[in-house]
Protein backbone atom coordinates (compact mmCIF):
# COMPACT_ATOMS: atom_id res chain seq x y z
CA MET A 1 85.19 56.89 165.19
CA ILE A 2 88.49 58.03 163.53
CA ASP A 3 90.40 55.38 161.52
CA LEU A 4 93.75 55.49 163.24
CA SER A 5 95.50 53.53 160.51
CA GLU A 6 94.90 56.48 158.16
CA VAL A 7 96.14 59.06 160.69
CA SER A 8 99.26 57.11 161.83
CA THR A 9 100.70 56.17 158.49
CA SER A 10 103.55 58.35 157.25
CA ASN A 11 104.39 56.35 154.23
CA LYS A 12 103.03 57.32 150.88
CA PRO A 13 101.07 54.63 149.18
CA ARG A 14 102.88 52.70 146.35
CA ARG A 15 101.34 53.26 142.96
CA PHE A 16 101.79 50.97 139.90
CA LEU A 17 100.84 51.74 136.39
CA ILE A 18 100.13 48.90 134.17
CA GLY A 19 99.39 49.54 130.50
CA VAL A 20 97.31 46.77 128.84
CA PRO A 21 97.37 46.87 124.98
CA PHE A 22 93.99 46.35 123.34
CA PHE A 23 95.10 43.37 121.28
CA LEU A 24 96.20 41.72 124.45
CA LEU A 25 92.81 42.29 125.95
CA VAL A 26 91.14 40.84 122.84
CA ALA A 27 93.48 37.85 122.86
CA LEU A 28 92.68 37.09 126.44
CA ALA A 29 88.91 37.41 125.93
CA LEU A 30 88.86 35.43 122.72
CA PRO A 31 88.97 31.81 124.03
CA ALA A 32 85.99 32.57 126.37
CA LEU A 33 84.14 34.15 123.50
CA LEU A 34 84.73 31.20 121.25
CA LEU A 35 83.63 28.76 123.88
CA LEU A 36 80.40 30.71 124.59
CA ALA A 37 79.71 31.45 120.84
CA PRO A 38 77.40 28.37 120.14
CA VAL A 39 75.44 29.08 123.18
CA VAL A 40 75.00 32.78 122.37
CA PHE A 41 74.08 31.84 118.79
CA VAL A 42 71.32 29.56 119.89
CA ALA A 43 70.08 32.03 122.36
CA CYS A 44 70.08 34.84 119.81
CA LEU A 45 67.99 32.62 117.47
CA ALA A 46 65.72 31.67 120.31
CA VAL A 47 64.91 35.37 121.13
CA HIS A 48 64.81 36.47 117.45
CA VAL A 49 67.95 38.55 117.57
CA ASN A 50 70.27 38.59 114.67
CA PRO A 51 73.61 36.93 115.88
CA PHE A 52 75.74 39.07 113.62
CA ASP A 53 74.19 42.38 114.96
CA ALA A 54 74.88 41.06 118.49
CA ALA A 55 78.50 40.30 117.50
CA ARG A 56 78.87 43.79 116.03
CA VAL A 57 77.49 45.38 119.23
CA LEU A 58 79.97 43.25 121.32
CA TRP A 59 82.79 44.44 119.12
CA GLY A 60 81.62 47.94 119.59
CA VAL A 61 81.73 47.54 123.37
CA LEU A 62 85.25 46.00 123.25
CA THR A 63 86.67 48.82 121.06
CA ALA A 64 85.08 51.50 123.31
CA LEU A 65 87.19 50.24 126.14
CA ARG A 66 90.26 51.92 124.60
CA GLY A 67 91.47 54.68 126.81
CA THR A 68 89.84 53.29 129.99
CA HIS A 69 91.56 53.74 133.39
CA VAL A 70 90.80 51.14 135.99
CA GLU A 71 92.25 51.72 139.44
CA VAL A 72 92.29 49.17 142.24
CA ALA A 73 93.33 50.67 145.53
CA LYS A 74 94.07 49.43 148.94
CA ARG A 75 95.37 51.25 152.00
CA ASP A 76 99.03 50.99 151.20
CA ARG A 77 99.03 50.51 147.42
CA SER A 78 97.15 50.95 144.25
CA VAL A 79 97.32 49.67 140.75
CA LEU A 80 96.09 51.57 137.68
CA PHE A 81 95.35 49.66 134.63
CA TYR A 82 95.25 51.68 131.33
CA ILE A 83 93.75 50.04 128.28
CA SER A 84 95.57 51.47 125.25
């Protein structure tokens, strides 16, 4: 069956580009990370993982997010997040 909503629309979809600075991403994630830190520390000790190595790996994952494009699209609009 053909989706008639795609065929009948003549308006171009609206696109929004939102640049998110890396320091803002870290600032938004920091409260959650601080609340979970004691639980993660105890869990790391329980499974014999060095908590400082785990924190270093988490920081590596966060810094690897730079340059990431995340697009959320619907039928009539889309939003592109760019982590700079």
